[in-house]
Protein backbone atom coordinates (compact mmCIF):
# COMPACT_ATOMS: atom_id res chain seq x y z
CA MET A 1 -15.69 -19.04 -14.59
CA LEU A 2 -14.97 -15.64 -12.88
CA GLU A 3 -17.24 -14.63 -10.16
CA ARG A 4 -19.37 -11.64 -10.85
CA LEU A 5 -19.36 -9.06 -8.33
CA PRO A 6 -22.35 -7.10 -7.31
CA ALA A 7 -22.46 -3.99 -9.56
CA GLY A 8 -24.89 -1.90 -10.14
CA ALA A 9 -26.17 -2.14 -14.25
CA ALA A 10 -25.55 2.00 -14.40
CA ASP A 11 -22.20 2.27 -13.08
CA PRO A 12 -19.93 3.03 -15.48
CA ARG A 13 -16.67 1.44 -14.04
CA GLN A 14 -18.46 -1.81 -14.23
CA ARG A 15 -19.94 -1.31 -17.05
CA GLU A 16 -16.57 -0.68 -18.66
CA LEU A 17 -15.47 -4.41 -16.50
CA ARG A 18 -18.28 -6.27 -18.58
CA GLU A 19 -17.41 -4.82 -21.53
CA LEU A 20 -13.71 -6.10 -20.83
CA ARG A 21 -14.92 -9.32 -19.54
CA ASP A 22 -16.92 -10.31 -22.55
CA ARG A 23 -13.66 -9.04 -25.07
CA TRP A 24 -11.67 -11.35 -23.15
CA ARG A 25 -14.09 -14.28 -22.98
CA ALA A 26 -14.33 -14.04 -26.54
CA GLN A 27 -10.49 -14.56 -27.22
CA PRO A 28 -8.94 -15.42 -24.14
CA THR A 29 -5.09 -16.12 -25.89
CA ASP A 30 -5.76 -12.21 -27.01
CA ALA A 31 -3.15 -10.69 -24.95
CA ASP A 32 -3.78 -7.38 -25.38
CA ALA A 33 -7.55 -8.27 -24.00
CA ALA A 34 -6.14 -10.10 -21.01
CA VAL A 35 -3.89 -7.17 -19.87
CA ALA A 36 -6.70 -4.66 -20.10
CA LEU A 37 -8.90 -6.68 -18.17
CA ALA A 38 -6.23 -8.06 -15.63
CA ARG A 39 -5.37 -4.21 -15.40
CA ARG A 40 -8.81 -3.08 -14.80
CA TYR A 41 -9.36 -5.84 -11.93
CA PHE A 42 -6.24 -4.38 -10.59
CA GLU A 43 -7.70 -0.93 -10.36
CA ALA A 44 -10.99 -2.32 -9.17
CA SER A 45 -9.17 -3.97 -6.01
CA ALA A 46 -7.31 -0.49 -5.15
CA ALA A 47 -10.32 1.06 -5.02
CA GLU A 48 -12.70 -1.20 -3.20
CA GLY A 49 -9.69 -3.31 -1.33
CA ASP A 50 -11.65 -6.69 -2.52
CA PRO A 51 -9.14 -8.96 -2.64
CA ARG A 52 -10.73 -11.13 -4.98
CA TYR A 53 -10.32 -8.65 -7.68
CA VAL A 54 -6.60 -9.57 -7.69
CA GLY A 55 -7.59 -13.56 -8.39
CA TYR A 56 -9.84 -13.07 -11.09
CA ALA A 57 -6.80 -10.55 -12.93
CA GLN A 58 -4.60 -13.45 -12.69
CA ALA A 59 -7.25 -16.08 -14.16
CA ALA A 60 -6.93 -13.26 -17.45
CA LEU A 61 -3.39 -14.08 -17.33
CA ALA A 62 -3.64 -17.61 -16.45
CA PRO A 63 -2.17 -18.65 -20.19
CA TRP A 64 1.13 -16.91 -19.44
CA TRP A 65 1.86 -17.28 -15.91
CA ASP A 66 4.27 -19.82 -15.83
CA LYS A 67 5.63 -18.79 -19.57
CA PRO A 68 9.43 -17.63 -18.89
CA GLU A 69 8.70 -15.29 -22.02
CA PRO A 70 5.54 -13.86 -22.18
CA PRO A 71 4.48 -11.02 -24.34
CA ALA A 72 6.03 -7.76 -23.05
CA GLU A 73 2.53 -6.24 -21.81
CA VAL A 74 1.65 -9.04 -20.22
CA ARG A 75 5.11 -9.20 -18.24
CA VAL A 76 4.76 -6.17 -17.08
CA MET A 77 0.89 -6.74 -15.59
CA ARG A 78 2.15 -10.12 -14.35
CA ALA A 79 4.80 -8.25 -12.06
CA VAL A 80 2.18 -6.18 -10.99
CA LEU A 81 0.37 -9.14 -9.63
CA ARG A 82 3.32 -11.06 -8.16
CA GLN A 83 4.51 -7.93 -6.13
CA PHE A 84 0.88 -7.89 -4.71
CA GLY A 85 1.44 -11.73 -3.61
CA HIS A 86 5.05 -10.30 -2.03
CA GLU A 87 6.56 -12.37 -4.55
CA PHE A 88 9.35 -9.30 -5.09
CA ASP A 89 11.96 -11.05 -6.73
CA ALA A 90 9.57 -12.82 -9.35
CA ALA A 91 8.20 -9.52 -10.15
CA LEU A 92 10.98 -7.53 -9.98
CA ALA A 93 12.79 -10.08 -12.30
CA ASP A 94 9.72 -9.46 -14.84
CA LEU A 95 10.27 -5.35 -14.50
CA SER A 96 13.77 -5.62 -15.55
CA ALA A 97 13.33 -7.71 -18.91
CA ALA A 98 10.51 -5.23 -19.55
CA VAL A 99 12.69 -2.36 -19.40
CA GLN A 100 15.53 -4.45 -20.89
CA HIS A 101 13.11 -4.87 -24.04
CA ASP A 102 11.85 -1.22 -23.99
CA PRO A 103 13.73 1.06 -22.02
CA GLY A 104 10.71 3.63 -22.01
CA ASP A 105 8.49 1.36 -20.14
CA GLY A 106 7.55 4.14 -17.44
CA GLU A 107 5.17 1.38 -15.78
CA ALA A 108 7.89 -1.24 -15.40
CA TRP A 109 10.77 1.67 -14.10
CA ALA A 110 7.59 2.82 -11.68
CA TRP A 111 7.11 -0.55 -10.20
CA GLN A 112 10.29 -0.77 -9.68
CA VAL A 113 10.36 2.12 -7.90
CA ALA A 114 7.32 0.94 -5.54
CA ILE A 115 8.79 -2.65 -4.83
CA ARG A 116 12.73 -1.30 -3.74
CA LEU A 117 11.04 0.94 -1.65
CA VAL A 118 9.15 -1.37 0.36
CA ARG A 119 12.24 -3.81 0.16
CA ALA A 120 13.95 -0.16 1.83
CA GLN A 121 16.35 -0.47 -0.83
CA TYR A 122 16.32 3.01 -1.41
CA PRO A 123 19.51 3.55 -4.14
CA GLN A 124 18.04 1.22 -6.29
CA ALA A 125 14.82 3.34 -5.90
CA ARG A 126 16.53 6.60 -6.50
CA GLU A 127 18.06 5.05 -9.97
CA ALA A 128 14.79 3.63 -10.96
CA CYS A 129 13.30 7.32 -10.61
CA GLU A 130 15.77 8.42 -12.38
CA GLN A 131 14.85 6.59 -15.48
CA LEU A 132 11.00 6.88 -14.76
CA ALA A 133 11.40 10.84 -14.03
CA PRO A 134 11.84 11.82 -18.11
CA LEU A 135 9.40 9.49 -19.38
CA ALA A 136 6.80 11.14 -17.07
CA GLU A 137 4.72 13.91 -16.07
CA PRO A 138 7.22 16.34 -13.79
CA LEU A 139 4.27 15.78 -10.49
CA ILE A 140 4.96 11.84 -10.64
CA GLY A 141 8.88 12.59 -11.29
CA ALA A 142 8.68 15.01 -8.43
CA GLY A 143 6.50 12.46 -5.84
CA CYS A 144 9.21 9.81 -6.84
CA ARG A 145 12.49 11.40 -5.94
CA ALA A 146 10.30 12.78 -2.66
CA GLN A 147 9.58 9.49 -1.26
CA VAL A 148 13.42 8.33 -1.54
CA ASP A 149 14.45 11.84 0.02
CA SER A 150 12.13 11.66 2.68
CA LEU A 151 13.21 8.42 4.11
CA THR A 152 17.26 9.19 3.44
CA GLY A 153 17.32 11.98 5.80
CA ARG A 154 15.63 15.04 3.45
CA ALA A 155 12.25 14.78 4.26
CA GLY A 156 11.97 18.33 4.72
CA ALA A 157 13.24 18.98 1.26
CA ALA A 158 11.40 16.24 -0.02
CA ALA A 159 8.37 17.67 1.22
CA GLU A 160 8.78 21.53 -0.31
CA ALA A 161 9.84 19.81 -3.74
CA LEU A 162 6.46 17.77 -4.16
CA ARG A 163 4.59 20.93 -2.71
CA ALA A 164 6.23 23.27 -5.18
CA ALA A 165 5.40 20.38 -7.84
CA LEU A 166 2.02 20.14 -6.73
CA ARG A 167 1.71 23.85 -7.36
CA ALA A 168 2.63 24.10 -10.65
CA ASP A 169 1.19 21.48 -12.16
CA ALA A 170 -2.21 22.27 -11.92
CA ALA A 171 -2.83 20.14 -14.73
CA ALA A 172 -2.12 17.12 -13.17
CA SER A 173 -5.07 14.16 -13.63
CA PRO A 174 -7.29 13.78 -10.33
CA GLU A 175 -5.28 10.42 -9.80
CA GLN A 176 -1.86 11.66 -10.16
CA ARG A 177 -2.90 14.46 -7.48
CA LEU A 178 -3.76 12.17 -5.28
CA TRP A 179 -1.32 9.80 -5.03
CA SER A 180 0.98 12.94 -4.57
CA LEU A 181 -0.58 14.51 -1.87
CA THR A 182 -0.99 11.21 0.07
CA ARG A 183 2.61 10.90 0.11
CA LEU A 184 2.97 14.38 0.91
CA ALA A 185 0.81 13.74 3.80
CA GLU A 186 2.88 10.83 4.93
CA ILE A 187 5.87 12.88 4.80
CA GLU A 188 4.74 15.25 7.01
CA GLU A 189 2.97 13.16 9.38
CA ARG A 190 5.90 11.10 9.99
CA ARG A 191 7.66 14.86 10.46
CA GLY A 192 5.29 15.71 13.17
CA ARG A 193 3.83 18.28 10.82
CA PHE A 194 0.22 17.18 11.56
CA ALA A 195 -1.96 20.37 10.61
CA GLU A 196 0.05 20.22 7.35
CA SER A 197 -0.35 16.21 6.91
CA GLU A 198 -3.77 16.39 7.31
CA ALA A 199 -4.53 19.34 4.96
CA ALA A 200 -2.84 17.33 2.36
CA PHE A 201 -5.05 14.40 3.64
CA ARG A 202 -8.09 16.28 2.93
CA ALA A 203 -7.10 18.08 -0.41
CA ALA A 204 -6.82 13.97 -1.14
CA LEU A 205 -10.30 13.12 -0.26
CA ALA A 206 -11.46 15.78 -1.67
CA LEU A 207 -11.03 15.02 -5.28
CA GLY A 208 -13.48 12.10 -4.54
CA LEU A 209 -11.60 9.17 -6.05
CA PRO A 210 -12.02 5.74 -4.36
CA ASP A 211 -8.66 4.64 -2.98
CA VAL A 212 -8.08 2.17 -0.12
CA TYR A 213 -4.73 3.13 0.18
CA LEU A 214 -5.81 7.21 0.98
CA LEU A 215 -8.44 5.78 3.55
CA SER A 216 -6.12 3.66 5.17
CA ALA A 217 -3.33 6.18 6.21
CA TYR A 218 -6.05 8.88 6.75
CA ALA A 219 -7.96 6.52 9.43
CA ASP A 220 -4.43 5.57 10.72
CA PHE A 221 -3.77 9.78 11.09
CA LEU A 222 -7.04 10.11 12.75
CA LEU A 223 -6.41 7.05 15.53
CA ASP A 224 -2.93 8.55 16.48
CA ARG A 225 -4.78 12.15 17.16
CA GLY A 226 -7.56 9.78 19.38
CA ARG A 227 -10.15 10.73 16.70
CA ALA A 228 -11.90 7.38 16.58
CA PRO A 229 -15.83 8.57 15.76
CA GLU A 230 -14.40 10.25 12.67
CA VAL A 231 -12.58 6.87 11.45
CA LEU A 232 -16.17 5.55 12.17
CA ALA A 233 -17.52 7.91 9.75
CA LEU A 234 -14.90 8.18 7.03
CA LEU A 235 -14.90 4.29 6.41
CA LYS A 236 -18.76 3.45 7.23
CA ASP A 237 -19.87 0.42 5.02
CA LYS A 238 -16.37 -0.55 3.72
CA GLU A 239 -16.11 -3.55 5.16
CA ARG A 240 -15.35 -5.70 2.58
CA SER A 241 -11.60 -4.62 2.73
CA ASP A 242 -9.31 -6.01 5.41
CA LEU A 243 -7.41 -3.14 5.45
CA LEU A 244 -10.47 -0.77 6.44
CA LEU A 245 -12.01 -3.29 8.55
CA LEU A 246 -8.88 -3.44 10.54
CA ARG A 247 -9.31 0.27 10.98
CA LEU A 248 -13.12 0.15 11.75
CA ALA A 249 -12.42 -2.42 14.85
CA ILE A 250 -9.57 -0.35 16.18
CA ALA A 251 -11.71 2.75 15.89
CA GLY A 252 -15.30 0.86 17.25
CA LYS A 253 -12.89 -0.28 20.18
CA ALA A 254 -11.70 3.27 20.93
CA SER A 255 -15.22 4.85 20.45
CA GLU A 256 -17.18 1.68 22.23
CA SER A 257 -19.21 1.11 19.28
CA ALA A 258 -22.11 -1.53 19.54
CA GLN A 259 -20.53 -3.02 15.87
CA ALA A 260 -16.70 -3.17 17.56
CA ALA A 261 -17.02 -6.76 18.72
CA ALA A 262 -18.88 -7.86 15.41
CA TRP A 263 -15.93 -6.33 13.20
CA ALA A 264 -13.51 -8.28 15.19
CA ASP A 265 -14.66 -11.69 14.98
CA SER A 266 -15.19 -10.96 11.48
CA LEU A 267 -11.31 -9.89 11.08
CA ALA A 268 -10.37 -12.56 13.03
CA ALA A 269 -12.46 -15.13 11.14
CA ARG A 270 -10.31 -13.59 7.70
CA PHE A 271 -7.01 -13.71 9.01
CA ASP A 272 -7.97 -17.93 9.89
CA ALA A 273 -9.23 -18.34 6.44
CA ALA A 274 -6.10 -16.83 5.23
CA ARG A 275 -3.82 -18.80 7.42
CA LEU A 276 -5.53 -22.54 6.08
CA ARG A 277 -4.80 -20.98 2.50
CA GLY A 278 -1.21 -20.73 3.38
CA ASP A 279 -1.71 -16.94 2.84
CA ALA A 280 0.74 -14.82 4.64
CA LEU A 281 -0.16 -11.20 2.96
CA HIS A 282 -1.81 -9.60 6.20
CA GLN A 283 0.73 -10.87 8.85
CA LYS A 284 1.21 -6.67 9.39
CA GLU A 285 -2.16 -6.56 9.99
CA GLU A 286 -2.51 -9.54 11.84
CA ALA A 287 0.35 -8.44 14.12
CA ARG A 288 -1.72 -4.94 14.55
CA PHE A 289 -4.69 -6.42 15.65
CA ALA A 290 -2.98 -8.51 18.25
CA LEU A 291 -2.09 -5.85 19.81
CA ALA A 292 -4.66 -3.55 19.46
CA MET A 293 -7.61 -5.66 19.69
CA LEU A 294 -6.56 -8.69 21.77
CA GLY A 295 -3.88 -7.03 23.58
CA GLN A 296 -1.54 -9.96 22.81
CA PRO A 297 1.90 -8.83 22.18
CA LYS A 298 3.69 -12.31 21.95
CA ARG A 299 1.33 -13.21 19.76
CA ALA A 300 1.80 -9.99 17.32
CA LEU A 301 5.65 -9.88 17.81
CA PRO A 302 6.73 -13.09 15.56
CA LEU A 303 3.82 -11.83 13.20
CA ALA A 304 5.51 -8.32 12.83
CA SER A 305 9.17 -10.23 12.38
CA ALA A 306 8.04 -12.11 9.55
CA ASN A 307 6.66 -9.25 8.20
CA TYR A 308 9.49 -6.88 8.81
CA VAL A 309 11.67 -9.50 6.75
CA LEU A 310 9.91 -9.12 3.50
CA GLN A 311 8.15 -5.39 3.94
CA ARG A 312 10.34 -2.49 5.21
CA GLU A 313 8.20 0.51 4.71
CA PRO A 314 7.84 2.84 7.80
CA ALA A 315 4.55 1.49 8.73
CA ASP A 316 6.44 -2.40 8.68
CA ALA A 317 8.72 -0.71 11.20
CA ARG A 318 5.93 0.86 13.39
CA VAL A 319 4.40 -2.26 14.30
CA LEU A 320 7.21 -4.19 15.18
CA LEU A 321 8.33 -1.27 17.25
CA GLU A 322 5.52 -0.85 19.14
CA ALA A 323 5.16 -5.45 19.17
CA ALA A 324 8.60 -5.25 20.88
CA VAL A 325 7.94 -2.43 23.02
CA ALA A 326 4.71 -4.11 24.75
CA ALA A 327 6.76 -7.65 24.67
CA ARG A 328 9.60 -5.77 26.18
CA ASP A 329 12.02 -7.44 23.53
CA PRO A 330 14.14 -4.58 22.49
CA ALA A 331 16.33 -7.38 21.00
CA ALA A 332 13.44 -8.06 18.06
CA ALA A 333 13.57 -4.66 16.97
CA GLU A 334 17.30 -4.51 15.90
CA PRO A 335 16.68 -4.59 12.14
CA VAL A 336 14.42 -1.57 12.64
CA LEU A 337 16.88 0.34 15.08
CA ARG A 338 19.78 -0.74 12.41
CA TRP A 339 16.86 0.91 9.52
CA LEU A 340 16.79 4.01 11.22
CA ALA A 341 20.46 4.63 12.05
CA GLU A 342 21.31 3.54 8.63
CA THR A 343 19.19 5.65 6.66
CA GLY A 344 18.61 8.72 8.79
CA ALA A 345 14.72 8.29 8.25
CA GLU A 346 13.13 10.65 10.05
CA SER A 347 9.82 9.92 11.66
CA VAL A 348 8.69 11.25 15.33
CA VAL A 349 6.86 8.07 16.28
CA LEU A 350 9.38 5.67 15.12
CA ARG A 351 12.02 7.69 16.83
CA GLN A 352 9.81 7.62 20.29
CA LEU A 353 9.56 4.10 19.86
CA ALA A 354 12.84 3.15 19.32
CA ALA A 355 13.58 5.78 22.66
CA GLN A 356 11.28 3.82 24.42
CA LEU A 357 12.50 0.82 23.85
CA LYS A 358 16.34 1.91 24.62
CA GLY A 359 14.53 3.01 28.14
CA LYS A 360 15.16 6.68 27.06
CA PRO A 361 12.25 9.12 27.71
């Protein structure tokens, strides 16, 4: 039986969720009902950062979870959940099968892009973008290409192209604008154009949509600028999300908040519980916790290294570089240094950390 999360009776999103759940309970082997419920649960997880929703989504797909040939609509949703659990190969297998069945499945192409970017497989990501672009709205196609370009030596052109696409597509949905503005903010931040980055972050926040990824990214931007009190205000009462609790704990320590110790203790307990479950999804966050909160680079470094084997986005690279610098172990950062050299990825912070490792100012 699925746990019912706290919900206000008048909340339209929760009302929709209850209706989807009732429909699924009436016919649990109805693939359409199961996928609709699983998708809504996954969206709730992205909005609120509560990982329990992902477990409920998987439960909805239980009749097909281990099936080699599930219905097409189940296969894509199963891939989405598998990538959340870092089962990237299994997710890509599902997505490849989905587009073989229906080359016009834009969602399957979009998730292929996302996974290829996480794994720093840029040629494959670009190829999937080209498949996605004619199937999606112009803004999404532009954002897809900009993500790849920004990590392969064309960050300036990527930012300008994405900004132009935002101006040209005033009718894009709030969700599409939030996604695009967040990517623009990240690209500009990596370029060292902090005013432009913050403007994009604030435009995304002004849309008023709940999004844990956006909150995490903007909180990191503020922490890098020494603006910890603003992080405390931004993330007030959002301790349920592990990602946001980490930012709260770091900001609390920096600003000497009375709640800092409690946030750190709570986060440490969650990491311990995850480890007991054999859950290694938060190695990046635990490495950062060990560095920023505990001052333990020797503990952080193996976590950051293990995470980088699976995930190779700029944030993953940064944690590994920071841990290697703190532990005075340049060899441990060799995979990131090689990635920087091979891709031409532009990032002021990553280049500075790499220079520190090489003993350059």
